Amino acid sequence: MSQNQENNKKNLFIQDIFEISSKISTFFIISIYICGFLALNAFFYKYNIVDVDLINSNYLVVGSLFILYIITYGIFAGRSIIFGKVWLHQQIDLLNK
């Protein structure tokens, strides 16, 4: 009976993991879709084009590129903000030599 209970616990644990991962992935896909919707419509708005098509696969592509851009920019801008003072002092020391 204990073997059966252990298998049930493992099955419940695996089901919980699948449930949580499906919720997380759904949240990320919806977030990417919303980012793409906002970015693409903001771009179109500059040219006075109104395209409020709610179901469009381009929103996922644009949202993915937007998220990639934000992450990449965040990495490099974050490094420059954190290490900017150190890099500046290193360059000044090199110029003073």
N, C-alpha and C. Protein backbone atom coordinates (compact mmCIF):
# COMPACT_ATOMS: atom_id res chain seq x y z
N MET A 1 0.81 -1.19 0.00
CA MET A 1 0.00 0.00 0.00
C MET A 1 0.86 1.27 0.00
N SER A 2 2.00 1.22 0.65
CA SER A 2 2.87 2.39 0.71
C SER A 2 3.44 2.72 -0.67
N GLN A 3 3.71 1.71 -1.49
CA GLN A 3 4.21 1.94 -2.85
C GLN A 3 3.16 2.68 -3.67
N ASN A 4 1.92 2.29 -3.49
CA ASN A 4 0.82 2.93 -4.21
C ASN A 4 0.66 4.39 -3.77
N GLN A 5 0.82 4.64 -2.48
CA GLN A 5 0.71 6.01 -1.97
C GLN A 5 1.86 6.88 -2.49
N GLU A 6 3.06 6.30 -2.57
CA GLU A 6 4.20 7.04 -3.10
C GLU A 6 3.99 7.39 -4.57
N ASN A 7 3.45 6.44 -5.33
CA ASN A 7 3.17 6.70 -6.74
C ASN A 7 2.11 7.79 -6.91
N ASN A 8 1.11 7.76 -6.04
CA ASN A 8 0.08 8.81 -6.09
C ASN A 8 0.66 10.18 -5.77
N LYS A 9 1.57 10.24 -4.78
CA LYS A 9 2.21 11.50 -4.42
C LYS A 9 3.07 12.01 -5.57
N LYS A 10 3.79 11.09 -6.23
CA LYS A 10 4.62 11.49 -7.37
C LYS A 10 3.75 12.00 -8.51
N ASN A 11 2.65 11.30 -8.77
CA ASN A 11 1.76 11.73 -9.84
C ASN A 11 1.14 13.09 -9.54
N LEU A 12 0.75 13.31 -8.29
CA LEU A 12 0.20 14.61 -7.92
C LEU A 12 1.25 15.71 -8.04
N PHE A 13 2.47 15.39 -7.65
CA PHE A 13 3.56 16.36 -7.76
C PHE A 13 3.82 16.72 -9.22
N ILE A 14 3.86 15.73 -10.08
CA ILE A 14 4.07 15.97 -11.51
C ILE A 14 2.92 16.77 -12.10
N GLN A 15 1.70 16.45 -11.70
CA GLN A 15 0.54 17.21 -12.18
C GLN A 15 0.61 18.67 -11.72
N ASP A 16 1.05 18.88 -10.48
CA ASP A 16 1.18 20.25 -9.98
C ASP A 16 2.24 21.01 -10.77
N ILE A 17 3.35 20.36 -11.07
CA ILE A 17 4.41 21.01 -11.84
C ILE A 17 3.90 21.38 -13.23
N PHE A 18 3.20 20.47 -13.89
CA PHE A 18 2.66 20.76 -15.21
C PHE A 18 1.64 21.90 -15.15
N GLU A 19 0.83 21.92 -14.12
CA GLU A 19 -0.18 22.98 -13.98
C GLU A 19 0.48 24.33 -13.78
N ILE A 20 1.47 24.38 -12.92
CA ILE A 20 2.17 25.64 -12.66
C ILE A 20 2.93 26.10 -13.89
N SER A 21 3.62 25.18 -14.56
CA SER A 21 4.39 25.57 -15.75
C SER A 21 3.48 26.02 -16.88
N SER A 22 2.31 25.42 -17.01
CA SER A 22 1.39 25.86 -18.05
C SER A 22 0.85 27.26 -17.75
N LYS A 23 0.60 27.56 -16.47
CA LYS A 23 0.15 28.90 -16.11
C LYS A 23 1.24 29.94 -16.36
N ILE A 24 2.47 29.60 -16.02
CA ILE A 24 3.58 30.52 -16.22
C ILE A 24 3.82 30.77 -17.71
N SER A 25 3.82 29.71 -18.50
CA SER A 25 4.04 29.89 -19.94
C SER A 25 2.90 30.67 -20.58
N THR A 26 1.67 30.45 -20.13
CA THR A 26 0.54 31.23 -20.64
C THR A 26 0.70 32.70 -20.30
N PHE A 27 1.14 32.99 -19.08
CA PHE A 27 1.37 34.37 -18.68
C PHE A 27 2.43 35.03 -19.56
N PHE A 28 3.54 34.32 -19.84
CA PHE A 28 4.60 34.90 -20.67
C PHE A 28 4.14 35.10 -22.10
N ILE A 29 3.40 34.18 -22.65
CA ILE A 29 2.92 34.34 -24.03
C ILE A 29 1.95 35.51 -24.13
N ILE A 30 1.06 35.63 -23.16
CA ILE A 30 0.12 36.76 -23.17
C ILE A 30 0.88 38.08 -22.99
N SER A 31 1.90 38.09 -22.14
CA SER A 31 2.70 39.30 -21.95
C SER A 31 3.42 39.70 -23.23
N ILE A 32 4.00 38.73 -23.92
CA ILE A 32 4.68 39.00 -25.18
C ILE A 32 3.68 39.52 -26.21
N TYR A 33 2.50 38.92 -26.25
CA TYR A 33 1.46 39.34 -27.19
C TYR A 33 1.03 40.78 -26.92
N ILE A 34 0.84 41.12 -25.66
CA ILE A 34 0.43 42.48 -25.30
C ILE A 34 1.53 43.48 -25.63
N CYS A 35 2.78 43.13 -25.36
CA CYS A 35 3.90 44.01 -25.70
C CYS A 35 3.96 44.23 -27.21
N GLY A 36 3.77 43.18 -27.98
CA GLY A 36 3.76 43.31 -29.44
C GLY A 36 2.61 44.17 -29.92
N PHE A 37 1.44 43.97 -29.34
CA PHE A 37 0.27 44.78 -29.70
C PHE A 37 0.54 46.25 -29.45
N LEU A 38 1.06 46.57 -28.27
CA LEU A 38 1.32 47.96 -27.93
C LEU A 38 2.44 48.56 -28.78
N ALA A 39 3.52 47.82 -28.99
CA ALA A 39 4.64 48.34 -29.76
C ALA A 39 4.26 48.57 -31.22
N LEU A 40 3.58 47.62 -31.82
CA LEU A 40 3.21 47.75 -33.23
C LEU A 40 2.18 48.85 -33.44
N ASN A 41 1.21 48.93 -32.56
CA ASN A 41 0.21 49.99 -32.71
C ASN A 41 0.78 51.37 -32.39
N ALA A 42 1.76 51.45 -31.49
CA ALA A 42 2.44 52.72 -31.23
C ALA A 42 3.23 53.16 -32.47
N PHE A 43 3.85 52.20 -33.14
CA PHE A 43 4.58 52.51 -34.37
C PHE A 43 3.62 52.98 -35.45
N PHE A 44 2.51 52.28 -35.61
CA PHE A 44 1.52 52.67 -36.62
C PHE A 44 0.90 54.03 -36.30
N TYR A 45 0.74 54.34 -35.03
CA TYR A 45 0.12 55.59 -34.62
C TYR A 45 0.95 56.79 -35.06
N LYS A 46 2.28 56.62 -35.14
CA LYS A 46 3.13 57.71 -35.62
C LYS A 46 2.76 58.12 -37.04
N TYR A 47 2.27 57.18 -37.83
CA TYR A 47 1.92 57.45 -39.22
C TYR A 47 0.41 57.54 -39.42
N ASN A 48 -0.31 57.77 -38.33
CA ASN A 48 -1.77 57.90 -38.34
C ASN A 48 -2.47 56.69 -38.95
N ILE A 49 -1.95 55.52 -38.68
CA ILE A 49 -2.59 54.28 -39.11
C ILE A 49 -3.20 53.63 -37.87
N VAL A 50 -4.47 53.35 -37.95
CA VAL A 50 -5.15 52.70 -36.82
C VAL A 50 -5.46 51.27 -37.24
N ASP A 51 -4.82 50.33 -36.59
CA ASP A 51 -5.02 48.92 -36.87
C ASP A 51 -5.26 48.20 -35.55
N VAL A 52 -6.51 48.03 -35.20
CA VAL A 52 -6.85 47.42 -33.92
C VAL A 52 -7.37 46.01 -34.17
N ASP A 53 -6.57 45.23 -34.86
CA ASP A 53 -6.90 43.83 -35.10
C ASP A 53 -6.38 43.05 -33.89
N LEU A 54 -7.27 42.48 -33.11
CA LEU A 54 -6.85 41.85 -31.85
C LEU A 54 -6.15 40.52 -32.05
N ILE A 55 -6.46 39.81 -33.12
CA ILE A 55 -5.83 38.51 -33.35
C ILE A 55 -4.92 38.63 -34.57
N ASN A 56 -3.63 38.70 -34.30
CA ASN A 56 -2.65 38.85 -35.35
C ASN A 56 -1.35 38.20 -34.89
N SER A 57 -0.80 37.33 -35.71
CA SER A 57 0.42 36.63 -35.31
C SER A 57 1.63 37.55 -35.31
N ASN A 58 1.54 38.68 -35.99
CA ASN A 58 2.66 39.63 -35.99
C ASN A 58 2.93 40.19 -34.60
N TYR A 59 1.91 40.23 -33.77
CA TYR A 59 2.09 40.75 -32.42
C TYR A 59 3.06 39.88 -31.61
N LEU A 60 3.03 38.58 -31.82
CA LEU A 60 3.97 37.70 -31.11
C LEU A 60 5.40 37.94 -31.57
N VAL A 61 5.58 38.14 -32.87
CA VAL A 61 6.93 38.38 -33.41
C VAL A 61 7.45 39.71 -32.90
N VAL A 62 6.65 40.76 -33.01
CA VAL A 62 7.06 42.08 -32.56
C VAL A 62 7.27 42.09 -31.05
N GLY A 63 6.40 41.42 -30.33
CA GLY A 63 6.56 41.34 -28.87
C GLY A 63 7.83 40.61 -28.47
N SER A 64 8.16 39.54 -29.18
CA SER A 64 9.41 38.81 -28.89
C SER A 64 10.62 39.68 -29.16
N LEU A 65 10.61 40.40 -30.28
CA LEU A 65 11.72 41.30 -30.59
C LEU A 65 11.81 42.44 -29.57
N PHE A 66 10.67 42.94 -29.14
CA PHE A 66 10.64 44.01 -28.15
C PHE A 66 11.22 43.53 -26.82
N ILE A 67 10.81 42.36 -26.38
CA ILE A 67 11.33 41.80 -25.13
C ILE A 67 12.84 41.55 -25.25
N LEU A 68 13.28 41.02 -26.39
CA LEU A 68 14.71 40.80 -26.62
C LEU A 68 15.48 42.11 -26.55
N TYR A 69 14.92 43.15 -27.17
CA TYR A 69 15.55 44.46 -27.14
C TYR A 69 15.64 44.99 -25.71
N ILE A 70 14.56 44.88 -24.96
CA ILE A 70 14.54 45.38 -23.58
C ILE A 70 15.56 44.63 -22.72
N ILE A 71 15.63 43.32 -22.89
CA ILE A 71 16.59 42.52 -22.10
C ILE A 71 18.02 42.89 -22.48
N THR A 72 18.29 42.99 -23.79
CA THR A 72 19.64 43.33 -24.23
C THR A 72 20.02 44.73 -23.77
N TYR A 73 19.13 45.67 -23.93
CA TYR A 73 19.41 47.03 -23.49
C TYR A 73 19.59 47.08 -21.98
N GLY A 74 18.79 46.34 -21.26
CA GLY A 74 18.90 46.32 -19.81
C GLY A 74 20.23 45.76 -19.35
N ILE A 75 20.72 44.75 -20.05
CA ILE A 75 22.01 44.17 -19.67
C ILE A 75 23.13 45.19 -19.86
N PHE A 76 23.17 45.81 -21.04
CA PHE A 76 24.27 46.74 -21.32
C PHE A 76 24.12 48.05 -20.56
N ALA A 77 22.91 48.57 -20.47
CA ALA A 77 22.71 49.82 -19.72
C ALA A 77 22.94 49.57 -18.23
N GLY A 78 22.50 48.42 -17.75
CA GLY A 78 22.72 48.09 -16.35
C GLY A 78 24.20 47.99 -16.01
N ARG A 79 24.95 47.37 -16.92
CA ARG A 79 26.40 47.27 -16.68
C ARG A 79 27.04 48.64 -16.69
N SER A 80 26.61 49.51 -17.60
CA SER A 80 27.23 50.84 -17.67
C SER A 80 26.86 51.67 -16.45
N ILE A 81 25.65 51.48 -15.94
CA ILE A 81 25.25 52.23 -14.74
C ILE A 81 26.03 51.74 -13.52
N ILE A 82 26.17 50.42 -13.41
CA ILE A 82 26.86 49.86 -12.24
C ILE A 82 28.37 50.10 -12.31
N PHE A 83 28.95 49.83 -13.49
CA PHE A 83 30.41 49.91 -13.61
C PHE A 83 30.90 51.20 -14.25
N GLY A 84 30.02 52.14 -14.53
CA GLY A 84 30.40 53.37 -15.22
C GLY A 84 31.46 54.16 -14.48
N LYS A 85 31.30 54.27 -13.19
CA LYS A 85 32.25 55.03 -12.39
C LYS A 85 33.63 54.36 -12.41
N VAL A 86 33.65 53.05 -12.31
CA VAL A 86 34.92 52.30 -12.33
C VAL A 86 35.59 52.45 -13.69
N TRP A 87 34.81 52.30 -14.78
CA TRP A 87 35.37 52.42 -16.12
C TRP A 87 35.89 53.83 -16.37
N LEU A 88 35.18 54.83 -15.87
CA LEU A 88 35.61 56.20 -16.05
C LEU A 88 36.93 56.45 -15.33
N HIS A 89 37.07 55.96 -14.11
CA HIS A 89 38.33 56.12 -13.37
C HIS A 89 39.47 55.38 -14.06
N GLN A 90 39.19 54.21 -14.64
CA GLN A 90 40.23 53.49 -15.36
C GLN A 90 40.69 54.27 -16.58
N GLN A 91 39.77 54.87 -17.30
CA GLN A 91 40.14 55.64 -18.49
C GLN A 91 40.90 56.90 -18.12
N ILE A 92 40.49 57.55 -17.04
CA ILE A 92 41.20 58.74 -16.58
C ILE A 92 42.61 58.37 -16.14
N ASP A 93 42.78 57.26 -15.45
CA ASP A 93 44.12 56.81 -15.04
C ASP A 93 44.99 56.51 -16.25
N LEU A 94 44.40 55.93 -17.30
CA LEU A 94 45.17 55.66 -18.53
C LEU A 94 45.59 56.95 -19.21
N LEU A 95 44.72 57.94 -19.23
CA LEU A 95 45.04 59.22 -19.86
C LEU A 95 46.09 59.99 -19.06
N ASN A 96 46.10 59.82 -17.75
CA ASN A 96 47.06 60.54 -16.91
C ASN A 96 48.45 59.93 -16.98
N LYS A 97 48.58 58.68 -17.44
CA LYS A 97 49.90 58.05 -17.49
C LYS A 97 50.74 58.59 -18.60
